[in-house]
Amino acid sequence: MGNNLVGNHIRKLRFDHDEMTQQQLADKVGVTRQTIVALEKGNYSPSLELAFRIARAFNLPIESIFYYEEDHKK
């Protein structure tokens, strides 16, 4: 069975939204900048609640920000 990955487009979306900083996004969604860094690097999968808050910050559906990808490497 492969590893599962929840990826995201947060970094691109920040730049598409007036080059929003990691800190600005963190403040909008109520987390630390380190949490945003970890999300962008793929080191952390957000809770469902945080995913909704991020989606709301960008005014987009969750599916436009996060994606699920199964890694088939053994």
N, C-alpha and C. Protein backbone atom coordinates (compact mmCIF):
# COMPACT_ATOMS: atom_id res chain seq x y z
N MET A 1 0.84 -1.18 0.00
CA MET A 1 0.00 0.00 0.00
C MET A 1 0.88 1.24 0.00
N GLY A 2 0.56 2.23 -0.84
CA GLY A 2 1.38 3.42 -0.98
C GLY A 2 1.08 4.46 0.09
N ASN A 3 1.91 5.49 0.12
CA ASN A 3 1.67 6.61 1.03
C ASN A 3 0.61 7.52 0.43
N ASN A 4 -0.16 8.14 1.29
CA ASN A 4 -1.20 9.07 0.83
C ASN A 4 -0.71 10.49 1.05
N LEU A 5 -1.11 11.38 0.19
CA LEU A 5 -0.65 12.76 0.25
C LEU A 5 -1.82 13.70 0.01
N VAL A 6 -1.95 14.68 0.88
CA VAL A 6 -2.87 15.78 0.64
C VAL A 6 -2.00 16.95 0.22
N GLY A 7 -2.11 17.32 -1.04
CA GLY A 7 -1.34 18.45 -1.56
C GLY A 7 -2.18 19.69 -1.60
N ASN A 8 -1.54 20.81 -1.92
CA ASN A 8 -2.30 22.06 -1.96
C ASN A 8 -1.64 23.06 -2.91
N HIS A 9 -2.40 24.09 -3.19
CA HIS A 9 -1.95 25.18 -4.07
C HIS A 9 -1.84 26.49 -3.28
N ILE A 10 -1.58 26.41 -2.00
CA ILE A 10 -1.61 27.60 -1.14
C ILE A 10 -0.58 28.63 -1.58
N ARG A 11 0.65 28.20 -1.84
CA ARG A 11 1.69 29.16 -2.21
C ARG A 11 1.28 29.96 -3.45
N LYS A 12 0.83 29.26 -4.48
CA LYS A 12 0.41 29.93 -5.72
C LYS A 12 -0.77 30.87 -5.45
N LEU A 13 -1.72 30.41 -4.66
CA LEU A 13 -2.88 31.25 -4.36
C LEU A 13 -2.50 32.51 -3.59
N ARG A 14 -1.55 32.39 -2.68
CA ARG A 14 -1.11 33.59 -1.95
C ARG A 14 -0.57 34.64 -2.92
N PHE A 15 0.24 34.19 -3.88
CA PHE A 15 0.82 35.14 -4.83
C PHE A 15 -0.23 35.69 -5.78
N ASP A 16 -1.24 34.88 -6.09
CA ASP A 16 -2.33 35.34 -6.94
C ASP A 16 -3.25 36.32 -6.22
N HIS A 17 -3.17 36.35 -4.91
CA HIS A 17 -3.99 37.26 -4.09
C HIS A 17 -3.10 38.38 -3.54
N ASP A 18 -2.64 39.23 -4.44
CA ASP A 18 -1.83 40.41 -4.07
C ASP A 18 -0.58 40.05 -3.28
N GLU A 19 0.03 38.92 -3.63
CA GLU A 19 1.26 38.46 -2.97
C GLU A 19 1.11 38.45 -1.45
N MET A 20 0.01 37.85 -1.01
CA MET A 20 -0.26 37.70 0.41
C MET A 20 0.91 36.97 1.08
N THR A 21 1.35 37.45 2.22
CA THR A 21 2.43 36.79 2.93
C THR A 21 1.90 35.59 3.70
N GLN A 22 2.82 34.73 4.10
CA GLN A 22 2.44 33.60 4.94
C GLN A 22 1.83 34.09 6.25
N GLN A 23 2.40 35.15 6.80
CA GLN A 23 1.88 35.70 8.06
C GLN A 23 0.48 36.25 7.88
N GLN A 24 0.21 36.94 6.78
CA GLN A 24 -1.12 37.48 6.54
C GLN A 24 -2.15 36.36 6.45
N LEU A 25 -1.81 35.28 5.74
CA LEU A 25 -2.74 34.14 5.66
C LEU A 25 -2.92 33.51 7.03
N ALA A 26 -1.83 33.33 7.74
CA ALA A 26 -1.90 32.74 9.09
C ALA A 26 -2.83 33.55 9.98
N ASP A 27 -2.69 34.87 9.94
CA ASP A 27 -3.55 35.74 10.75
C ASP A 27 -5.01 35.60 10.34
N LYS A 28 -5.28 35.50 9.04
CA LYS A 28 -6.66 35.37 8.56
C LYS A 28 -7.32 34.09 9.03
N VAL A 29 -6.55 32.99 9.10
CA VAL A 29 -7.15 31.69 9.42
C VAL A 29 -6.88 31.24 10.85
N GLY A 30 -6.14 32.04 11.62
CA GLY A 30 -5.97 31.76 13.04
C GLY A 30 -4.96 30.69 13.38
N VAL A 31 -3.86 30.64 12.61
CA VAL A 31 -2.77 29.71 12.91
C VAL A 31 -1.46 30.47 12.90
N THR A 32 -0.37 29.79 13.19
CA THR A 32 0.94 30.42 13.13
C THR A 32 1.48 30.39 11.71
N ARG A 33 2.45 31.26 11.46
CA ARG A 33 3.11 31.26 10.15
C ARG A 33 3.79 29.92 9.90
N GLN A 34 4.31 29.30 10.96
CA GLN A 34 4.97 28.00 10.83
C GLN A 34 4.00 26.93 10.32
N THR A 35 2.73 27.04 10.68
CA THR A 35 1.73 26.10 10.18
C THR A 35 1.55 26.27 8.68
N ILE A 36 1.51 27.51 8.22
CA ILE A 36 1.38 27.77 6.78
C ILE A 36 2.61 27.24 6.04
N VAL A 37 3.79 27.46 6.61
CA VAL A 37 5.03 26.93 6.01
C VAL A 37 4.94 25.42 5.87
N ALA A 38 4.53 24.75 6.94
CA ALA A 38 4.43 23.28 6.92
C ALA A 38 3.40 22.80 5.90
N LEU A 39 2.28 23.50 5.79
CA LEU A 39 1.27 23.15 4.79
C LEU A 39 1.84 23.28 3.38
N GLU A 40 2.48 24.41 3.10
CA GLU A 40 3.02 24.64 1.77
C GLU A 40 4.09 23.62 1.39
N LYS A 41 4.87 23.19 2.35
CA LYS A 41 5.92 22.21 2.09
C LYS A 41 5.37 20.79 2.00
N GLY A 42 4.11 20.61 2.34
CA GLY A 42 3.52 19.28 2.33
C GLY A 42 3.88 18.44 3.53
N ASN A 43 4.35 19.09 4.59
CA ASN A 43 4.73 18.38 5.81
C ASN A 43 3.57 18.22 6.78
N TYR A 44 2.43 18.79 6.45
CA TYR A 44 1.30 18.82 7.38
C TYR A 44 0.01 18.83 6.57
N SER A 45 -0.92 18.01 6.97
CA SER A 45 -2.26 18.01 6.37
C SER A 45 -3.19 18.73 7.34
N PRO A 46 -3.95 19.69 6.84
CA PRO A 46 -4.79 20.47 7.75
C PRO A 46 -6.00 19.69 8.24
N SER A 47 -6.51 20.13 9.37
CA SER A 47 -7.79 19.60 9.83
C SER A 47 -8.85 20.07 8.84
N LEU A 48 -9.98 19.44 8.87
CA LEU A 48 -11.08 19.85 7.99
C LEU A 48 -11.49 21.29 8.29
N GLU A 49 -11.52 21.64 9.56
CA GLU A 49 -11.88 23.00 9.95
C GLU A 49 -10.89 24.01 9.38
N LEU A 50 -9.59 23.74 9.48
CA LEU A 50 -8.59 24.65 8.94
C LEU A 50 -8.69 24.72 7.42
N ALA A 51 -8.94 23.60 6.77
CA ALA A 51 -9.09 23.60 5.31
C ALA A 51 -10.25 24.52 4.90
N PHE A 52 -11.35 24.47 5.63
CA PHE A 52 -12.48 25.36 5.33
C PHE A 52 -12.11 26.82 5.57
N ARG A 53 -11.38 27.11 6.63
CA ARG A 53 -10.98 28.49 6.90
C ARG A 53 -10.05 29.02 5.81
N ILE A 54 -9.14 28.18 5.33
CA ILE A 54 -8.25 28.59 4.24
C ILE A 54 -9.05 28.82 2.97
N ALA A 55 -9.98 27.92 2.68
CA ALA A 55 -10.83 28.08 1.50
C ALA A 55 -11.61 29.39 1.58
N ARG A 56 -12.12 29.71 2.74
CA ARG A 56 -12.87 30.95 2.93
C ARG A 56 -11.96 32.17 2.75
N ALA A 57 -10.71 32.07 3.21
CA ALA A 57 -9.77 33.19 3.06
C ALA A 57 -9.51 33.51 1.60
N PHE A 58 -9.52 32.49 0.75
CA PHE A 58 -9.30 32.69 -0.68
C PHE A 58 -10.61 32.80 -1.46
N ASN A 59 -11.74 32.62 -0.77
CA ASN A 59 -13.06 32.65 -1.40
C ASN A 59 -13.15 31.62 -2.53
N LEU A 60 -12.68 30.42 -2.23
CA LEU A 60 -12.68 29.31 -3.19
C LEU A 60 -13.19 28.05 -2.52
N PRO A 61 -13.68 27.09 -3.31
CA PRO A 61 -14.04 25.80 -2.73
C PRO A 61 -12.77 25.03 -2.32
N ILE A 62 -12.91 24.18 -1.34
CA ILE A 62 -11.77 23.40 -0.84
C ILE A 62 -11.05 22.66 -1.97
N GLU A 63 -11.81 22.14 -2.91
CA GLU A 63 -11.22 21.34 -4.00
C GLU A 63 -10.31 22.17 -4.89
N SER A 64 -10.44 23.49 -4.86
CA SER A 64 -9.56 24.35 -5.65
C SER A 64 -8.23 24.60 -4.94
N ILE A 65 -8.17 24.26 -3.67
CA ILE A 65 -6.97 24.51 -2.88
C ILE A 65 -6.24 23.21 -2.54
N PHE A 66 -7.00 22.20 -2.13
CA PHE A 66 -6.42 20.94 -1.69
C PHE A 66 -6.75 19.82 -2.67
N TYR A 67 -5.84 18.88 -2.79
CA TYR A 67 -6.08 17.70 -3.63
C TYR A 67 -5.49 16.48 -2.93
N TYR A 68 -6.06 15.36 -3.23
CA TYR A 68 -5.62 14.08 -2.67
C TYR A 68 -4.93 13.30 -3.77
N GLU A 69 -3.76 12.83 -3.46
CA GLU A 69 -2.99 12.07 -4.43
C GLU A 69 -2.41 10.84 -3.74
N GLU A 70 -2.60 9.70 -4.33
CA GLU A 70 -2.05 8.47 -3.75
C GLU A 70 -0.71 8.19 -4.41
N ASP A 71 0.29 8.01 -3.59
CA ASP A 71 1.63 7.71 -4.08
C ASP A 71 1.76 6.19 -4.18
N HIS A 72 1.99 5.70 -5.37
CA HIS A 72 2.05 4.27 -5.60
C HIS A 72 3.46 3.70 -5.49
N LYS A 73 4.42 4.47 -4.99
CA LYS A 73 5.78 3.96 -4.82
C LYS A 73 5.80 2.94 -3.70
N LYS A 74 6.58 1.93 -3.87
CA LYS A 74 6.68 0.89 -2.84
C LYS A 74 7.94 1.06 -2.05
